[in-house]
Amino acid sequence: MSIVAIQPGLLDDKIYKIIKPKNSCSLREQPAYRVETSPDACTLAELLSVIVGGEKQFEIAARLLERFETVQKLALALPAEIAAVPGVGKKTALRLKAALALARKLMEPSGDEMPMISSPKDAYICLRPVLEGLDHERLVVMVLTTRNRVMEMPVVYVGSANSATVRIAEVLRPCIRLNAPNMVLAHNHPTGDPTPSPEDVNLTRCLNEAARKMDIQLLDHVIVGSPGRYTSLKERGIGFS
């Protein structure tokens, strides 16, 4: 609390107390300053505060965390769900969705950074930004060179990815177009559980048989679940007999 004397004659001869708002803080404690100087040390609440902006950024960031609990759940939320949080609104919700999508794009390999796939874990690390944390299914083809370096990773299906709805020719098309000898099939389970379903196994079996006829080797089928969880059907010996 600060005390200041007002010059006599302007108001009166009393001493007035100037009380700072409870949520005021020094420059070094403000989220914008912390992001500018050491963004990696910021808390999730501080990062959200800077994106939200405005006089009530602290309160709104707290409401977002109270509503969605984690950044993963926030990323899955629809813009309308985010906008419904008191104080957020449509424009702020879209800024949040854009920031989260940008973070996902940053994790995607590109150009000279395309990795070599030598294990299911390598594939999972490469697939995380494309498949993890989605509220819908995606089917991705990792097109590989003879040395198993990723050439591209197109999304070939959005929605239910099972043998009844997926056209095998469409899945093989990226490999045929690039004359690629190897591939890895991958998709996600929005439920977070990467356990293969009977449909997943059947799709793997059908694709493996078709790929052999085209002189393309299906190296694996990786299912991505919640953060840190994935399943390799090749490691389990499912669908590759």
Foldseek 3Di string as FASTA:
>chain_A
DDKDADPDPPPHRDTDDDDDDPPDDDPCPQLVNCCVPPVVPDDQLSVQLVLQDDPCSNVLSVQQCVVQVDVLSLLADDLVVSCPRPPQHNVSSVSSNVVVLVVLVVQAADDPRQAADDDLVVVCSNCCSPAESYQWKWKWKQFAAPRRTGPDIDTQDTHDDFPVPDDLCSNCVVCVVVVGQEIEIEMEDAVQDQDDDPRNLVVLLVNQVVSVVVNHHHPWYKYGGHPPDIDTCVVVVGNND
